[in-house]
Amino acid sequence: MKKILYLTVATLFIIFMVCGCGKSYTCHDCGESTSKAYYDMNAKIDKVMCEDCAREYWMPMPYQNYQVK
């Protein structure tokens, strides 16, 4: 009985790890929903950008340095 309980808990744990309930952000510029968000000069979490908008905004500097973590 304990083995079944441990197996069930382990299976649920693995499922949650694989699904990765990550955050979702909405780009302030284009409205696209994304899991990878980037800050602008103000660095406010309520005004973030998607990868495409961040690339355009920060060009020619590396936009990857401004990713929300």
PDB file of N, CA and C in Angstrom:
ATOM      1  N   MET A   1       0.822  -1.195   0.000  1.00  0.00           N
ATOM      2  CA  MET A   1       0.000   0.000   0.000  1.00  0.00           C
ATOM      3  C   MET A   1       0.867   1.260   0.000  1.00  0.00           C
ATOM      4  N   LYS A   2       1.962   1.226   0.781  1.00  0.00           N
ATOM      5  CA  LYS A   2       2.848   2.392   0.823  1.00  0.00           C
ATOM      6  C   LYS A   2       3.529   2.602  -0.521  1.00  0.00           C
ATOM      7  N   LYS A   3       3.854   1.508  -1.197  1.00  0.00           N
ATOM      8  CA  LYS A   3       4.513   1.623  -2.503  1.00  0.00           C
ATOM      9  C   LYS A   3       3.601   2.322  -3.504  1.00  0.00           C
ATOM     10  N   ILE A   4       2.322   2.008  -3.481  1.00  0.00           N
ATOM     11  CA  ILE A   4       1.370   2.645  -4.391  1.00  0.00           C
ATOM     12  C   ILE A   4       1.264   4.137  -4.081  1.00  0.00           C
ATOM     13  N   LEU A   5       1.231   4.491  -2.816  1.00  0.00           N
ATOM     14  CA  LEU A   5       1.160   5.894  -2.421  1.00  0.00           C
ATOM     15  C   LEU A   5       2.413   6.649  -2.862  1.00  0.00           C
ATOM     16  N   TYR A   6       3.584   6.064  -2.619  1.00  0.00           N
ATOM     17  CA  TYR A   6       4.843   6.693  -3.037  1.00  0.00           C
ATOM     18  C   TYR A   6       4.921   6.830  -4.549  1.00  0.00           C
ATOM     19  N   LEU A   7       4.477   5.810  -5.260  1.00  0.00           N
ATOM     20  CA  LEU A   7       4.489   5.860  -6.716  1.00  0.00           C
ATOM     21  C   LEU A   7       3.552   6.942  -7.236  1.00  0.00           C
ATOM     22  N   THR A   8       2.386   7.075  -6.629  1.00  0.00           N
ATOM     23  CA  THR A   8       1.432   8.112  -7.031  1.00  0.00           C
ATOM     24  C   THR A   8       1.989   9.511  -6.779  1.00  0.00           C
ATOM     25  N   VAL A   9       2.570   9.713  -5.612  1.00  0.00           N
ATOM     26  CA  VAL A   9       3.148  11.020  -5.284  1.00  0.00           C
ATOM     27  C   VAL A   9       4.308  11.335  -6.218  1.00  0.00           C
ATOM     28  N   ALA A  10       5.160  10.360  -6.482  1.00  0.00           N
ATOM     29  CA  ALA A  10       6.296  10.573  -7.385  1.00  0.00           C
ATOM     30  C   ALA A  10       5.822  10.892  -8.800  1.00  0.00           C
ATOM     31  N   THR A  11       4.798  10.210  -9.254  1.00  0.00           N
ATOM     32  CA  THR A  11       4.255  10.464 -10.587  1.00  0.00           C
ATOM     33  C   THR A  11       3.679  11.873 -10.685  1.00  0.00           C
ATOM     34  N   LEU A  12       2.929  12.296  -9.693  1.00  0.00           N
ATOM     35  CA  LEU A  12       2.384  13.659  -9.684  1.00  0.00           C
ATOM     36  C   LEU A  12       3.494  14.699  -9.654  1.00  0.00           C
ATOM     37  N   PHE A  13       4.524  14.452  -8.878  1.00  0.00           N
ATOM     38  CA  PHE A  13       5.659  15.371  -8.794  1.00  0.00           C
ATOM     39  C   PHE A  13       6.338  15.518 -10.152  1.00  0.00           C
ATOM     40  N   ILE A  14       6.544  14.408 -10.839  1.00  0.00           N
ATOM     41  CA  ILE A  14       7.177  14.446 -12.156  1.00  0.00           C
ATOM     42  C   ILE A  14       6.304  15.182 -13.161  1.00  0.00           C
ATOM     43  N   ILE A  15       5.003  14.960 -13.108  1.00  0.00           N
ATOM     44  CA  ILE A  15       4.085  15.653 -14.017  1.00  0.00           C
ATOM     45  C   ILE A  15       4.147  17.159 -13.797  1.00  0.00           C
ATOM     46  N   PHE A  16       4.152  17.605 -12.549  1.00  0.00           N
ATOM     47  CA  PHE A  16       4.230  19.039 -12.264  1.00  0.00           C
ATOM     48  C   PHE A  16       5.568  19.628 -12.699  1.00  0.00           C
ATOM     49  N   MET A  17       6.629  18.883 -12.570  1.00  0.00           N
ATOM     50  CA  MET A  17       7.943  19.374 -13.003  1.00  0.00           C
ATOM     51  C   MET A  17       7.992  19.529 -14.519  1.00  0.00           C
ATOM     52  N   VAL A  18       7.420  18.576 -15.240  1.00  0.00           N
ATOM     53  CA  VAL A  18       7.442  18.620 -16.697  1.00  0.00           C
ATOM     54  C   VAL A  18       6.558  19.750 -17.226  1.00  0.00           C
ATOM     55  N   CYS A  19       5.411  19.937 -16.622  1.00  0.00           N
ATOM     56  CA  CYS A  19       4.494  20.983 -17.077  1.00  0.00           C
ATOM     57  C   CYS A  19       5.034  22.371 -16.781  1.00  0.00           C
ATOM     58  N   GLY A  20       5.760  22.519 -15.698  1.00  0.00           N
ATOM     59  CA  GLY A  20       6.421  23.775 -15.385  1.00  0.00           C
ATOM     60  C   GLY A  20       5.503  24.975 -15.325  1.00  0.00           C
ATOM     61  N   CYS A  21       4.604  25.023 -14.452  1.00  0.00           N
ATOM     62  CA  CYS A  21       3.643  26.120 -14.306  1.00  0.00           C
ATOM     63  C   CYS A  21       4.355  27.472 -14.254  1.00  0.00           C
ATOM     64  N   GLY A  22       4.876  27.928 -15.371  1.00  0.00           N
ATOM     65  CA  GLY A  22       5.631  29.169 -15.431  1.00  0.00           C
ATOM     66  C   GLY A  22       4.745  30.381 -15.585  1.00  0.00           C
ATOM     67  N   LYS A  23       5.349  31.536 -15.406  1.00  0.00           N
ATOM     68  CA  LYS A  23       4.609  32.782 -15.536  1.00  0.00           C
ATOM     69  C   LYS A  23       4.382  33.123 -16.996  1.00  0.00           C
ATOM     70  N   SER A  24       3.359  33.887 -17.228  1.00  0.00           N
ATOM     71  CA  SER A  24       3.052  34.382 -18.551  1.00  0.00           C
ATOM     72  C   SER A  24       2.957  35.909 -18.477  1.00  0.00           C
ATOM     73  N   TYR A  25       3.547  36.573 -19.442  1.00  0.00           N
ATOM     74  CA  TYR A  25       3.569  38.031 -19.489  1.00  0.00           C
ATOM     75  C   TYR A  25       2.901  38.500 -20.768  1.00  0.00           C
ATOM     76  N   THR A  26       2.394  39.724 -20.744  1.00  0.00           N
ATOM     77  CA  THR A  26       1.816  40.340 -21.921  1.00  0.00           C
ATOM     78  C   THR A  26       2.690  41.520 -22.330  1.00  0.00           C
ATOM     79  N   CYS A  27       3.101  41.515 -23.580  1.00  0.00           N
ATOM     80  CA  CYS A  27       3.964  42.579 -24.097  1.00  0.00           C
ATOM     81  C   CYS A  27       3.218  43.911 -24.067  1.00  0.00           C
ATOM     82  N   HIS A  28       3.870  44.918 -23.523  1.00  0.00           N
ATOM     83  CA  HIS A  28       3.273  46.249 -23.425  1.00  0.00           C
ATOM     84  C   HIS A  28       3.143  46.901 -24.797  1.00  0.00           C
ATOM     85  N   ASP A  29       4.037  46.567 -25.724  1.00  0.00           N
ATOM     86  CA  ASP A  29       4.035  47.204 -27.041  1.00  0.00           C
ATOM     87  C   ASP A  29       3.048  46.567 -28.021  1.00  0.00           C
ATOM     88  N   CYS A  30       3.122  45.228 -28.175  1.00  0.00           N
ATOM     89  CA  CYS A  30       2.301  44.575 -29.201  1.00  0.00           C
ATOM     90  C   CYS A  30       1.146  43.748 -28.644  1.00  0.00           C
ATOM     91  N   GLY A  31       1.122  43.484 -27.339  1.00  0.00           N
ATOM     92  CA  GLY A  31       0.038  42.735 -26.724  1.00  0.00           C
ATOM     93  C   GLY A  31       0.192  41.229 -26.788  1.00  0.00           C
ATOM     94  N   GLU A  32       1.301  40.731 -27.311  1.00  0.00           N
ATOM     95  CA  GLU A  32       1.538  39.289 -27.416  1.00  0.00           C
ATOM     96  C   GLU A  32       1.778  38.681 -26.039  1.00  0.00           C
ATOM     97  N   SER A  33       1.256  37.481 -25.818  1.00  0.00           N
ATOM     98  CA  SER A  33       1.483  36.758 -24.570  1.00  0.00           C
ATOM     99  C   SER A  33       2.757  35.939 -24.712  1.00  0.00           C
ATOM    100  N   THR A  34       3.639  36.010 -23.713  1.00  0.00           N
ATOM    101  CA  THR A  34       4.929  35.339 -23.795  1.00  0.00           C
ATOM    102  C   THR A  34       5.381  34.850 -22.427  1.00  0.00           C
ATOM    103  N   SER A  35       6.253  33.845 -22.424  1.00  0.00           N
ATOM    104  CA  SER A  35       6.825  33.370 -21.163  1.00  0.00           C
ATOM    105  C   SER A  35       8.189  33.992 -20.911  1.00  0.00           C
ATOM    106  N   LYS A  36       8.801  34.566 -21.956  1.00  0.00           N
ATOM    107  CA  LYS A  36      10.085  35.260 -21.822  1.00  0.00           C
ATOM    108  C   LYS A  36       9.838  36.752 -22.005  1.00  0.00           C
ATOM    109  N   ALA A  37       9.993  37.501 -20.929  1.00  0.00           N
ATOM    110  CA  ALA A  37       9.724  38.935 -20.979  1.00  0.00           C
ATOM    111  C   ALA A  37      11.017  39.710 -20.761  1.00  0.00           C
ATOM    112  N   TYR A  38      11.035  40.936 -21.253  1.00  0.00           N
ATOM    113  CA  TYR A  38      12.217  41.793 -21.170  1.00  0.00           C
ATOM    114  C   TYR A  38      11.813  43.177 -20.683  1.00  0.00           C
ATOM    115  N   TYR A  39      12.684  43.777 -19.879  1.00  0.00           N
ATOM    116  CA  TYR A  39      12.451  45.125 -19.361  1.00  0.00           C
ATOM    117  C   TYR A  39      12.807  46.180 -20.402  1.00  0.00           C
ATOM    118  N   ASP A  40      12.190  47.370 -20.243  1.00  0.00           N
ATOM    119  CA  ASP A  40      12.630  48.535 -21.003  1.00  0.00           C
ATOM    120  C   ASP A  40      13.494  49.389 -20.065  1.00  0.00           C
ATOM    121  N   MET A  41      13.717  50.632 -20.393  1.00  0.00           N
ATOM    122  CA  MET A  41      14.583  51.487 -19.579  1.00  0.00           C
ATOM    123  C   MET A  41      14.041  51.700 -18.166  1.00  0.00           C
ATOM    124  N   ASN A  42      12.719  51.671 -17.980  1.00  0.00           N
ATOM    125  CA  ASN A  42      12.128  51.901 -16.661  1.00  0.00           C
ATOM    126  C   ASN A  42      12.201  50.682 -15.755  1.00  0.00           C
ATOM    127  N   ALA A  43      12.365  49.504 -16.330  1.00  0.00           N
ATOM    128  CA  ALA A  43      12.486  48.233 -15.603  1.00  0.00           C
ATOM    129  C   ALA A  43      11.324  47.996 -14.637  1.00  0.00           C
ATOM    130  N   LYS A  44      10.115  48.204 -15.111  1.00  0.00           N
ATOM    131  CA  LYS A  44       8.921  47.938 -14.307  1.00  0.00           C
ATOM    132  C   LYS A  44       8.284  46.643 -14.782  1.00  0.00           C
ATOM    133  N   ILE A  45       7.910  45.790 -13.842  1.00  0.00           N
ATOM    134  CA  ILE A  45       7.362  44.481 -14.174  1.00  0.00           C
ATOM    135  C   ILE A  45       6.002  44.571 -14.861  1.00  0.00           C
ATOM    136  N   ASP A  46       5.273  45.656 -14.681  1.00  0.00           N
ATOM    137  CA  ASP A  46       3.961  45.784 -15.323  1.00  0.00           C
ATOM    138  C   ASP A  46       4.061  46.307 -16.757  1.00  0.00           C
ATOM    139  N   LYS A  47       5.255  46.691 -17.195  1.00  0.00           N
ATOM    140  CA  LYS A  47       5.459  47.151 -18.571  1.00  0.00           C
ATOM    141  C   LYS A  47       6.667  46.435 -19.152  1.00  0.00           C
ATOM    142  N   VAL A  48       6.439  45.185 -19.577  1.00  0.00           N
ATOM    143  CA  VAL A  48       7.512  44.383 -20.151  1.00  0.00           C
ATOM    144  C   VAL A  48       7.248  44.173 -21.642  1.00  0.00           C
ATOM    145  N   MET A  49       8.262  43.658 -22.351  1.00  0.00           N
ATOM    146  CA  MET A  49       8.168  43.458 -23.786  1.00  0.00           C
ATOM    147  C   MET A  49       8.435  42.002 -24.139  1.00  0.00           C
ATOM    148  N   CYS A  50       7.910  41.573 -25.282  1.00  0.00           N
ATOM    149  CA  CYS A  50       8.213  40.243 -25.798  1.00  0.00           C
ATOM    150  C   CYS A  50       9.608  40.280 -26.417  1.00  0.00           C
ATOM    151  N   GLU A  51      10.089  39.134 -26.869  1.00  0.00           N
ATOM    152  CA  GLU A  51      11.447  39.049 -27.400  1.00  0.00           C
ATOM    153  C   GLU A  51      11.639  39.898 -28.654  1.00  0.00           C
ATOM    154  N   ASP A  52      10.664  39.889 -29.558  1.00  0.00           N
ATOM    155  CA  ASP A  52      10.783  40.661 -30.796  1.00  0.00           C
ATOM    156  C   ASP A  52      10.816  42.159 -30.523  1.00  0.00           C
ATOM    157  N   CYS A  53       9.931  42.630 -29.661  1.00  0.00           N
ATOM    158  CA  CYS A  53       9.889  44.053 -29.333  1.00  0.00           C
ATOM    159  C   CYS A  53      11.156  44.480 -28.580  1.00  0.00           C
ATOM    160  N   ALA A  54      11.640  43.607 -27.691  1.00  0.00           N
ATOM    161  CA  ALA A  54      12.856  43.919 -26.940  1.00  0.00           C
ATOM    162  C   ALA A  54      14.056  43.992 -27.866  1.00  0.00           C
ATOM    163  N   ARG A  55      14.122  43.091 -28.837  1.00  0.00           N
ATOM    164  CA  ARG A  55      15.231  43.109 -29.799  1.00  0.00           C
ATOM    165  C   ARG A  55      15.250  44.430 -30.557  1.00  0.00           C
ATOM    166  N   GLU A  56      14.079  44.877 -30.976  1.00  0.00           N
ATOM    167  CA  GLU A  56      13.967  46.139 -31.710  1.00  0.00           C
ATOM    168  C   GLU A  56      14.270  47.333 -30.801  1.00  0.00           C
ATOM    169  N   TYR A  57      13.779  47.288 -29.566  1.00  0.00           N
ATOM    170  CA  TYR A  57      13.943  48.391 -28.613  1.00  0.00           C
ATOM    171  C   TYR A  57      15.414  48.581 -28.232  1.00  0.00           C
ATOM    172  N   TRP A  58      16.106  47.491 -27.920  1.00  0.00           N
ATOM    173  CA  TRP A  58      17.473  47.575 -27.409  1.00  0.00           C
ATOM    174  C   TRP A  58      18.548  47.560 -28.493  1.00  0.00           C
ATOM    175  N   MET A  59      18.183  47.397 -29.764  1.00  0.00           N
ATOM    176  CA  MET A  59      19.164  47.336 -30.831  1.00  0.00           C
ATOM    177  C   MET A  59      20.040  48.585 -30.815  1.00  0.00           C
ATOM    178  N   PRO A  60      21.314  48.510 -30.890  1.00  0.00           N
ATOM    179  CA  PRO A  60      22.213  47.393 -31.180  1.00  0.00           C
ATOM    180  C   PRO A  60      22.747  46.704 -29.915  1.00  0.00           C
ATOM    181  N   MET A  61      22.261  47.061 -28.735  1.00  0.00           N
ATOM    182  CA  MET A  61      22.737  46.436 -27.492  1.00  0.00           C
ATOM    183  C   MET A  61      22.093  45.061 -27.326  1.00  0.00           C
ATOM    184  N   PRO A  62      22.718  44.158 -26.562  1.00  0.00           N
ATOM    185  CA  PRO A  62      22.151  42.820 -26.374  1.00  0.00           C
ATOM    186  C   PRO A  62      20.933  42.839 -25.456  1.00  0.00           C
ATOM    187  N   TYR A  63      19.780  42.565 -26.026  1.00  0.00           N
ATOM    188  CA  TYR A  63      18.518  42.602 -25.269  1.00  0.00           C
ATOM    189  C   TYR A  63      18.439  41.505 -24.214  1.00  0.00           C
ATOM    190  N   GLN A  64      19.211  40.432 -24.351  1.00  0.00           N
ATOM    191  CA  GLN A  64      19.169  39.314 -23.415  1.00  0.00           C
ATOM    192  C   GLN A  64      19.562  39.745 -21.995  1.00  0.00           C
ATOM    193  N   ASN A  65      20.315  40.813 -21.878  1.00  0.00           N
ATOM    194  CA  ASN A  65      20.738  41.303 -20.560  1.00  0.00           C
ATOM    195  C   ASN A  65      19.568  41.856 -19.749  1.00  0.00           C
ATOM    196  N   TYR A  66      18.442  42.109 -20.385  1.00  0.00           N
ATOM    197  CA  TYR A  66      17.303  42.755 -19.733  1.00  0.00           C
ATOM    198  C   TYR A  66      16.114  41.812 -19.558  1.00  0.00           C
ATOM    199  N   GLN A  67      16.375  40.501 -19.566  1.00  0.00           N
ATOM    200  CA  GLN A  67      15.297  39.525 -19.422  1.00  0.00           C
ATOM    201  C   GLN A  67      14.791  39.484 -17.992  1.00  0.00           C
ATOM    202  N   VAL A  68      13.483  39.393 -17.842  1.00  0.00           N
ATOM    203  CA  VAL A  68      12.851  39.260 -16.531  1.00  0.00           C
ATOM    204  C   VAL A  68      13.144  37.863 -16.017  1.00  0.00           C
ATOM    205  N   LYS A  69      13.611  37.766 -14.772  1.00  0.00           N
ATOM    206  CA  LYS A  69      13.955  36.453 -14.215  1.00  0.00           C
ATOM    207  C   LYS A  69      13.028  36.065 -13.129  1.00  0.00           C
TER     208      LYS A  69
END
